[in-house]
Amino acid sequence: MKPLVKNKNLLLGGLFIVIGTLWLLNNAGLLQEYNLNNYFKWYYILLVVGVYSLLTNSNLTGGLVLIAISLFFILPRQFGIHPDWSIIIPMILILIGVIIIWRKNHFGKLKKAENAENIHIMDEAHILSGAEKFIHSDRFQGGKITCILGGAEIDLTSSELAEGVHTLDIFTLFGGISLIVPPDWTIKTEVSALLGGFSDERPGGPEVIDESKVLVIKGFVMLGGGEIKSYRGKKKPIQ
């Protein structure tokens, strides 16, 4: 699915201008009747970020997750519901702690190497799990990878990129993605990040070598990360 808005800079700049103008007018006392102070809260900012991500990314998962989190805090206030946060917040912290420990002690043992032949378009989803996969393709064409409270290491060393421009859409939430690619692949990254990051760690950096074969990595990373790397010299033997 193509993003609804292609010009990210125009939309982002416009949002800053609108929010800054409203904030300035409100502080000057010109918009007191609208009581805008109630809307300058972190969960409304999260809602705006979610809508922005939804409009500018072909992977809708990240935007939907942010919108869901913001609505979780907004809706009770809008309908006059007063949840007991003194109980809910500690329970959320306990749940996160249990998940972290469970992931460390349980899912780490489940991680296994898997060989996949003739996978030209990926469709990977890892939720509360981890996996290592070797992809063998003579015309790799991208796809999508989703990691939520989990991770994935995708080894494309024995694959060839197909002719043309192809897109790999990624989404991570409390997770991580590691892509191992041949050193001569031309890769362009257009990943948005919130409290996370995605970087090209290949020796020599993201050098454009062959414009006839390009892999564009798009998507959204929140409270997690990802990296692109390659083995120095010859390709690593497939295990």
C-alpha atoms as a PDB file:
ATOM      1  CA  MET A   1       0.000   0.000   0.000  1.00  0.00           C
ATOM      2  CA  LYS A   2       1.317   3.418  -0.969  1.00  0.00           C
ATOM      3  CA  PRO A   3       1.468   6.191   1.671  1.00  0.00           C
ATOM      4  CA  LEU A   4      -1.383   8.698   1.498  1.00  0.00           C
ATOM      5  CA  VAL A   5       1.023  11.649   1.708  1.00  0.00           C
ATOM      6  CA  LYS A   6       4.271  11.541  -0.262  1.00  0.00           C
ATOM      7  CA  ASN A   7       5.735  14.900   0.808  1.00  0.00           C
ATOM      8  CA  LYS A   8       6.651  14.145   4.422  1.00  0.00           C
ATOM      9  CA  ASN A   9       8.548  17.401   4.938  1.00  0.00           C
ATOM     10  CA  LEU A  10       5.588  19.513   3.836  1.00  0.00           C
ATOM     11  CA  LEU A  11       3.208  17.704   6.192  1.00  0.00           C
ATOM     12  CA  LEU A  12       5.641  17.730   9.133  1.00  0.00           C
ATOM     13  CA  GLY A  13       6.491  21.401   8.629  1.00  0.00           C
ATOM     14  CA  GLY A  14       2.807  22.265   8.359  1.00  0.00           C
ATOM     15  CA  LEU A  15       2.046  20.428  11.615  1.00  0.00           C
ATOM     16  CA  PHE A  16       4.756  22.340  13.468  1.00  0.00           C
ATOM     17  CA  ILE A  17       3.469  25.651  12.085  1.00  0.00           C
ATOM     18  CA  VAL A  18      -0.158  24.905  13.017  1.00  0.00           C
ATOM     19  CA  ILE A  19       0.652  23.633  16.515  1.00  0.00           C
ATOM     20  CA  GLY A  20       3.104  26.475  17.177  1.00  0.00           C
ATOM     21  CA  THR A  21       0.607  29.102  15.976  1.00  0.00           C
ATOM     22  CA  LEU A  22      -2.218  27.715  18.116  1.00  0.00           C
ATOM     23  CA  TRP A  23       0.085  27.477  21.138  1.00  0.00           C
ATOM     24  CA  LEU A  24       1.278  31.059  20.667  1.00  0.00           C
ATOM     25  CA  LEU A  25      -2.254  32.431  20.270  1.00  0.00           C
ATOM     26  CA  ASN A  26      -3.407  30.458  23.296  1.00  0.00           C
ATOM     27  CA  ASN A  27      -0.561  31.793  25.462  1.00  0.00           C
ATOM     28  CA  ALA A  28      -1.432  35.316  24.282  1.00  0.00           C
ATOM     29  CA  GLY A  29      -4.958  34.833  25.625  1.00  0.00           C
ATOM     30  CA  LEU A  30      -6.650  35.019  22.217  1.00  0.00           C
ATOM     31  CA  LEU A  31      -8.074  31.484  22.297  1.00  0.00           C
ATOM     32  CA  GLN A  32      -9.048  31.150  25.954  1.00  0.00           C
ATOM     33  CA  GLU A  33     -12.652  30.326  25.084  1.00  0.00           C
ATOM     34  CA  TYR A  34     -11.498  27.105  23.399  1.00  0.00           C
ATOM     35  CA  ASN A  35      -9.559  25.901  26.472  1.00  0.00           C
ATOM     36  CA  LEU A  36      -6.659  24.577  24.369  1.00  0.00           C
ATOM     37  CA  ASN A  37      -4.493  23.895  27.419  1.00  0.00           C
ATOM     38  CA  ASN A  38      -6.301  20.565  27.774  1.00  0.00           C
ATOM     39  CA  TYR A  39      -4.966  19.495  24.380  1.00  0.00           C
ATOM     40  CA  PHE A  40      -1.278  20.276  24.923  1.00  0.00           C
ATOM     41  CA  LYS A  41      -0.736  16.909  26.623  1.00  0.00           C
ATOM     42  CA  TRP A  42       1.682  14.105  25.740  1.00  0.00           C
ATOM     43  CA  TYR A  43      -1.097  11.716  24.663  1.00  0.00           C
ATOM     44  CA  TYR A  44      -2.455  14.237  22.151  1.00  0.00           C
ATOM     45  CA  ILE A  45       1.067  14.676  20.802  1.00  0.00           C
ATOM     46  CA  LEU A  46       1.267  10.884  20.494  1.00  0.00           C
ATOM     47  CA  LEU A  47      -2.026  10.962  18.559  1.00  0.00           C
ATOM     48  CA  VAL A  48      -0.611  13.538  16.132  1.00  0.00           C
ATOM     49  CA  VAL A  49       2.547  11.445  15.654  1.00  0.00           C
ATOM     50  CA  GLY A  50       0.390   8.384  15.008  1.00  0.00           C
ATOM     51  CA  VAL A  51      -1.712  10.181  12.392  1.00  0.00           C
ATOM     52  CA  TYR A  52       1.464  11.525  10.766  1.00  0.00           C
ATOM     53  CA  SER A  53       2.933   8.012  10.609  1.00  0.00           C
ATOM     54  CA  LEU A  54      -0.338   6.666   9.213  1.00  0.00           C
ATOM     55  CA  LEU A  55      -0.347   9.218   6.402  1.00  0.00           C
ATOM     56  CA  THR A  56       3.317   8.999   5.434  1.00  0.00           C
ATOM     57  CA  ASN A  57       4.192   5.292   5.765  1.00  0.00           C
ATOM     58  CA  SER A  58       3.074   2.396   3.614  1.00  0.00           C
ATOM     59  CA  ASN A  59       3.207   0.188   6.716  1.00  0.00           C
ATOM     60  CA  LEU A  60       0.141   1.262   8.729  1.00  0.00           C
ATOM     61  CA  THR A  61       0.928  -0.815  11.820  1.00  0.00           C
ATOM     62  CA  GLY A  62       3.129   1.774  13.552  1.00  0.00           C
ATOM     63  CA  GLY A  63       0.613   4.603  13.161  1.00  0.00           C
ATOM     64  CA  LEU A  64      -2.275   2.426  14.332  1.00  0.00           C
ATOM     65  CA  VAL A  65      -0.346   1.333  17.441  1.00  0.00           C
ATOM     66  CA  LEU A  66       0.452   4.945  18.400  1.00  0.00           C
ATOM     67  CA  ILE A  67      -3.152   6.036  17.823  1.00  0.00           C
ATOM     68  CA  ALA A  68      -4.427   3.120  19.939  1.00  0.00           C
ATOM     69  CA  ILE A  69      -2.065   4.026  22.814  1.00  0.00           C
ATOM     70  CA  SER A  70      -3.107   7.699  22.704  1.00  0.00           C
ATOM     71  CA  LEU A  71      -6.834   6.854  22.589  1.00  0.00           C
ATOM     72  CA  PHE A  72      -6.345   4.585  25.601  1.00  0.00           C
ATOM     73  CA  PHE A  73      -5.583   7.736  27.613  1.00  0.00           C
ATOM     74  CA  ILE A  74      -7.808  10.224  25.750  1.00  0.00           C
ATOM     75  CA  LEU A  75     -11.163   8.431  25.655  1.00  0.00           C
ATOM     76  CA  PRO A  76     -11.601   7.972  29.438  1.00  0.00           C
ATOM     77  CA  ARG A  77     -11.077  11.728  29.900  1.00  0.00           C
ATOM     78  CA  GLN A  78     -13.485  12.622  27.096  1.00  0.00           C
ATOM     79  CA  PHE A  79     -16.285  10.448  28.513  1.00  0.00           C
ATOM     80  CA  GLY A  80     -15.696  11.347  32.148  1.00  0.00           C
ATOM     81  CA  ILE A  81     -14.344   7.940  33.117  1.00  0.00           C
ATOM     82  CA  HIS A  82     -11.854   8.037  35.977  1.00  0.00           C
ATOM     83  CA  PRO A  83      -9.802   4.830  36.080  1.00  0.00           C
ATOM     84  CA  ASP A  84      -7.732   4.115  39.156  1.00  0.00           C
ATOM     85  CA  TRP A  85      -4.259   4.800  37.740  1.00  0.00           C
ATOM     86  CA  SER A  86      -2.679   4.002  41.104  1.00  0.00           C
ATOM     87  CA  ILE A  87      -3.540   0.373  40.343  1.00  0.00           C
ATOM     88  CA  ILE A  88      -3.362   0.324  36.526  1.00  0.00           C
ATOM     89  CA  ILE A  89       0.122   1.870  36.133  1.00  0.00           C
ATOM     90  CA  PRO A  90       1.867  -0.513  38.608  1.00  0.00           C
ATOM     91  CA  MET A  91       0.113  -3.455  36.927  1.00  0.00           C
ATOM     92  CA  ILE A  92       1.360  -2.286  33.513  1.00  0.00           C
ATOM     93  CA  LEU A  93       4.914  -2.016  34.881  1.00  0.00           C
ATOM     94  CA  ILE A  94       4.675  -5.517  36.375  1.00  0.00           C
ATOM     95  CA  LEU A  95       3.373  -6.899  33.063  1.00  0.00           C
ATOM     96  CA  ILE A  96       6.234  -5.270  31.123  1.00  0.00           C
ATOM     97  CA  GLY A  97       8.754  -6.710  33.592  1.00  0.00           C
ATOM     98  CA  VAL A  98       7.295 -10.204  33.267  1.00  0.00           C
ATOM     99  CA  ILE A  99       7.372  -9.964  29.462  1.00  0.00           C
ATOM    100  CA  ILE A 100      11.015  -8.824  29.484  1.00  0.00           C
ATOM    101  CA  ILE A 101      12.091 -11.689  31.759  1.00  0.00           C
ATOM    102  CA  TRP A 102       9.986 -14.227  29.848  1.00  0.00           C
ATOM    103  CA  ARG A 103      11.482 -13.084  26.548  1.00  0.00           C
ATOM    104  CA  LYS A 104      15.005 -13.391  27.956  1.00  0.00           C
ATOM    105  CA  ASN A 105      14.582 -16.833  29.511  1.00  0.00           C
ATOM    106  CA  HIS A 106      12.069 -18.439  27.192  1.00  0.00           C
ATOM    107  CA  PHE A 107      12.044 -17.002  23.712  1.00  0.00           C
ATOM    108  CA  GLY A 108      15.810 -16.857  23.481  1.00  0.00           C
ATOM    109  CA  LYS A 109      15.793 -20.655  23.626  1.00  0.00           C
ATOM    110  CA  LEU A 110      13.260 -20.823  20.807  1.00  0.00           C
ATOM    111  CA  LYS A 111      15.438 -18.896  18.414  1.00  0.00           C
ATOM    112  CA  LYS A 112      16.535 -21.186  15.632  1.00  0.00           C
ATOM    113  CA  ALA A 113      18.088 -20.937  12.208  1.00  0.00           C
ATOM    114  CA  GLU A 114      15.804 -21.648   9.287  1.00  0.00           C
ATOM    115  CA  ASN A 115      16.647 -21.965   5.617  1.00  0.00           C
ATOM    116  CA  ALA A 116      14.147 -20.620   3.111  1.00  0.00           C
ATOM    117  CA  GLU A 117      14.525 -21.405  -0.588  1.00  0.00           C
ATOM    118  CA  ASN A 118      13.087 -19.270  -3.408  1.00  0.00           C
ATOM    119  CA  ILE A 119      11.608 -16.594  -1.141  1.00  0.00           C
ATOM    120  CA  HIS A 120      11.469 -13.591  -3.454  1.00  0.00           C
ATOM    121  CA  ILE A 121       9.018 -11.479  -1.409  1.00  0.00           C
ATOM    122  CA  MET A 122       9.233 -11.692   2.393  1.00  0.00           C
ATOM    123  CA  ASP A 123       6.302 -11.621   4.808  1.00  0.00           C
ATOM    124  CA  GLU A 124       7.728 -12.061   8.299  1.00  0.00           C
ATOM    125  CA  ALA A 125       5.887 -11.441  11.601  1.00  0.00           C
ATOM    126  CA  HIS A 126       7.462 -12.135  14.998  1.00  0.00           C
ATOM    127  CA  ILE A 127       5.386 -11.306  18.071  1.00  0.00           C
ATOM    128  CA  LEU A 128       6.808 -12.336  21.434  1.00  0.00           C
ATOM    129  CA  SER A 129       9.306 -14.513  19.596  1.00  0.00           C
ATOM    130  CA  GLY A 130      12.662 -14.483  17.874  1.00  0.00           C
ATOM    131  CA  ALA A 131      13.965 -16.131  14.739  1.00  0.00           C
ATOM    132  CA  GLU A 132      17.006 -16.395  12.511  1.00  0.00           C
ATOM    133  CA  LYS A 133      16.374 -17.052   8.836  1.00  0.00           C
ATOM    134  CA  PHE A 134      18.596 -17.580   5.798  1.00  0.00           C
ATOM    135  CA  ILE A 135      16.910 -16.407   2.602  1.00  0.00           C
ATOM    136  CA  HIS A 136      18.017 -17.872  -0.746  1.00  0.00           C
ATOM    137  CA  SER A 137      16.605 -15.948  -3.708  1.00  0.00           C
ATOM    138  CA  ASP A 138      17.928 -15.210  -7.179  1.00  0.00           C
ATOM    139  CA  ARG A 139      15.565 -12.217  -7.551  1.00  0.00           C
ATOM    140  CA  PHE A 140      14.753 -10.781  -4.126  1.00  0.00           C
ATOM    141  CA  GLN A 141      11.975  -8.155  -4.305  1.00  0.00           C
ATOM    142  CA  GLY A 142      11.517  -6.917  -0.724  1.00  0.00           C
ATOM    143  CA  GLY A 143       8.361  -7.489   1.322  1.00  0.00           C
ATOM    144  CA  LYS A 144       7.620  -6.717   4.954  1.00  0.00           C
ATOM    145  CA  ILE A 145       8.890  -7.581   8.445  1.00  0.00           C
ATOM    146  CA  THR A 146       7.010  -6.956  11.699  1.00  0.00           C
ATOM    147  CA  CYS A 147       8.565  -7.461  15.153  1.00  0.00           C
ATOM    148  CA  ILE A 148       6.601  -6.734  18.344  1.00  0.00           C
ATOM    149  CA  LEU A 149       8.308  -7.704  21.596  1.00  0.00           C
ATOM    150  CA  GLY A 150      10.518  -9.914  19.487  1.00  0.00           C
ATOM    151  CA  GLY A 151      13.356  -9.911  17.022  1.00  0.00           C
ATOM    152  CA  ALA A 152      14.509 -11.251  13.695  1.00  0.00           C
ATOM    153  CA  GLU A 153      17.851 -11.764  12.005  1.00  0.00           C
ATOM    154  CA  ILE A 154      17.394 -12.100   8.255  1.00  0.00           C
ATOM    155  CA  ASP A 155      20.436 -13.286   6.324  1.00  0.00           C
ATOM    156  CA  LEU A 156      20.220 -12.380   2.632  1.00  0.00           C
ATOM    157  CA  THR A 157      23.884 -13.042   1.923  1.00  0.00           C
ATOM    158  CA  SER A 158      23.107 -15.816  -0.576  1.00  0.00           C
ATOM    159  CA  SER A 159      20.438 -13.799  -2.396  1.00  0.00           C
ATOM    160  CA  GLU A 160      20.512 -11.596  -5.473  1.00  0.00           C
ATOM    161  CA  LEU A 161      18.513  -8.392  -5.775  1.00  0.00           C
ATOM    162  CA  ALA A 162      16.075  -8.317  -8.692  1.00  0.00           C
ATOM    163  CA  GLU A 163      16.226  -5.648 -11.364  1.00  0.00           C
ATOM    164  CA  GLY A 164      14.378  -2.428 -10.505  1.00  0.00           C
ATOM    165  CA  VAL A 165      13.462  -0.613  -7.290  1.00  0.00           C
ATOM    166  CA  HIS A 166      11.962  -2.760  -4.527  1.00  0.00           C
ATOM    167  CA  THR A 167      10.590  -1.928  -1.073  1.00  0.00           C
ATOM    168  CA  LEU A 168      11.090  -3.695   2.242  1.00  0.00           C
ATOM    169  CA  ASP A 169       8.581  -2.411   4.809  1.00  0.00           C
ATOM    170  CA  ILE A 170       9.537  -2.846   8.473  1.00  0.00           C
ATOM    171  CA  PHE A 171       7.811  -2.212  11.791  1.00  0.00           C
ATOM    172  CA  THR A 172       9.258  -2.775  15.254  1.00  0.00           C
ATOM    173  CA  LEU A 173       7.773  -2.131  18.691  1.00  0.00           C
ATOM    174  CA  PHE A 174       9.950  -3.217  21.633  1.00  0.00           C
ATOM    175  CA  GLY A 175      11.833  -5.308  19.101  1.00  0.00           C
ATOM    176  CA  GLY A 176      14.719  -5.422  16.697  1.00  0.00           C
ATOM    177  CA  ILE A 177      15.553  -6.339  13.120  1.00  0.00           C
ATOM    178  CA  SER A 178      18.977  -7.240  11.767  1.00  0.00           C
ATOM    179  CA  LEU A 179      19.427  -7.517   8.002  1.00  0.00           C
ATOM    180  CA  ILE A 180      22.580  -9.145   6.644  1.00  0.00           C
ATOM    181  CA  VAL A 181      23.009  -8.344   2.960  1.00  0.00           C
ATOM    182  CA  PRO A 182      25.697  -8.747   0.296  1.00  0.00           C
ATOM    183  CA  PRO A 183      28.176  -5.843   0.482  1.00  0.00           C
ATOM    184  CA  ASP A 184      27.444  -4.688  -3.077  1.00  0.00           C
ATOM    185  CA  TRP A 185      23.695  -4.115  -2.641  1.00  0.00           C
ATOM    186  CA  THR A 186      22.394  -0.584  -3.176  1.00  0.00           C
ATOM    187  CA  ILE A 187      20.118   0.180  -0.229  1.00  0.00           C
ATOM    188  CA  LYS A 188      18.285   3.385   0.631  1.00  0.00           C
ATOM    189  CA  THR A 189      16.720   3.782   4.090  1.00  0.00           C
ATOM    190  CA  GLU A 190      13.590   5.827   4.733  1.00  0.00           C
ATOM    191  CA  VAL A 191      12.688   4.561   8.207  1.00  0.00           C
ATOM    192  CA  SER A 192      10.918   6.789  10.750  1.00  0.00           C
ATOM    193  CA  ALA A 193      11.898   6.270  14.402  1.00  0.00           C
ATOM    194  CA  LEU A 194      10.421   7.197  17.777  1.00  0.00           C
ATOM    195  CA  LEU A 195      12.648   6.371  20.752  1.00  0.00           C
ATOM    196  CA  GLY A 196      14.565   4.011  18.528  1.00  0.00           C
ATOM    197  CA  GLY A 197      16.708   3.905  15.427  1.00  0.00           C
ATOM    198  CA  PHE A 198      17.591   2.104  12.224  1.00  0.00           C
ATOM    199  CA  SER A 199      21.085   2.343  10.751  1.00  0.00           C
ATOM    200  CA  ASP A 200      23.268   1.051   7.948  1.00  0.00           C
ATOM    201  CA  GLU A 201      26.352  -0.460   9.601  1.00  0.00           C
ATOM    202  CA  ARG A 202      27.986  -1.915   6.492  1.00  0.00           C
ATOM    203  CA  PRO A 203      31.719  -1.224   6.088  1.00  0.00           C
ATOM    204  CA  GLY A 204      32.100   1.945   4.070  1.00  0.00           C
ATOM    205  CA  GLY A 205      28.532   3.090   4.720  1.00  0.00           C
ATOM    206  CA  PRO A 206      25.480   3.149   2.433  1.00  0.00           C
ATOM    207  CA  GLU A 207      27.287   3.523  -0.885  1.00  0.00           C
ATOM    208  CA  VAL A 208      25.162   3.644  -4.051  1.00  0.00           C
ATOM    209  CA  ILE A 209      26.702   1.132  -6.450  1.00  0.00           C
ATOM    210  CA  ASP A 210      24.081  -0.071  -8.921  1.00  0.00           C
ATOM    211  CA  GLU A 211      21.031   2.132  -9.554  1.00  0.00           C
ATOM    212  CA  SER A 212      19.442  -0.599 -11.691  1.00  0.00           C
ATOM    213  CA  LYS A 213      18.965  -2.743  -8.570  1.00  0.00           C
ATOM    214  CA  VAL A 214      17.828  -0.803  -5.501  1.00  0.00           C
ATOM    215  CA  LEU A 215      16.251  -1.917  -2.228  1.00  0.00           C
ATOM    216  CA  VAL A 216      14.372   0.842  -0.379  1.00  0.00           C
ATOM    217  CA  ILE A 217      13.775   0.109   3.309  1.00  0.00           C
ATOM    218  CA  LYS A 218      10.794   2.004   4.729  1.00  0.00           C
ATOM    219  CA  GLY A 219       8.757   1.716   7.893  1.00  0.00           C
ATOM    220  CA  PHE A 220       8.541   2.703  11.543  1.00  0.00           C
ATOM    221  CA  VAL A 221      10.624   1.861  14.607  1.00  0.00           C
ATOM    222  CA  MET A 222       9.424   2.587  18.160  1.00  0.00           C
ATOM    223  CA  LEU A 223      11.242   1.634  21.343  1.00  0.00           C
ATOM    224  CA  GLY A 224      13.387  -0.692  19.301  1.00  0.00           C
ATOM    225  CA  GLY A 225      15.860  -0.681  16.509  1.00  0.00           C
ATOM    226  CA  GLY A 226      17.350  -2.247  13.479  1.00  0.00           C
ATOM    227  CA  GLU A 227      20.518  -2.426  11.430  1.00  0.00           C
ATOM    228  CA  ILE A 228      21.877  -3.389   8.040  1.00  0.00           C
ATOM    229  CA  LYS A 229      25.197  -5.168   7.943  1.00  0.00           C
ATOM    230  CA  SER A 230      27.296  -7.345   5.697  1.00  0.00           C
ATOM    231  CA  TYR A 231      30.186  -9.759   6.116  1.00  0.00           C
ATOM    232  CA  ARG A 232      33.595  -8.489   5.150  1.00  0.00           C
ATOM    233  CA  GLY A 233      35.188 -10.151   2.164  1.00  0.00           C
ATOM    234  CA  LYS A 234      33.552 -13.335   0.974  1.00  0.00           C
ATOM    235  CA  LYS A 235      30.013 -14.349   1.799  1.00  0.00           C
ATOM    236  CA  LYS A 236      29.449 -16.238   4.994  1.00  0.00           C
ATOM    237  CA  PRO A 237      28.882 -19.968   4.374  1.00  0.00           C
ATOM    238  CA  ILE A 238      25.279 -21.005   4.829  1.00  0.00           C
ATOM    239  CA  GLN A 239      24.847 -23.235   7.826  1.00  0.00           C
END
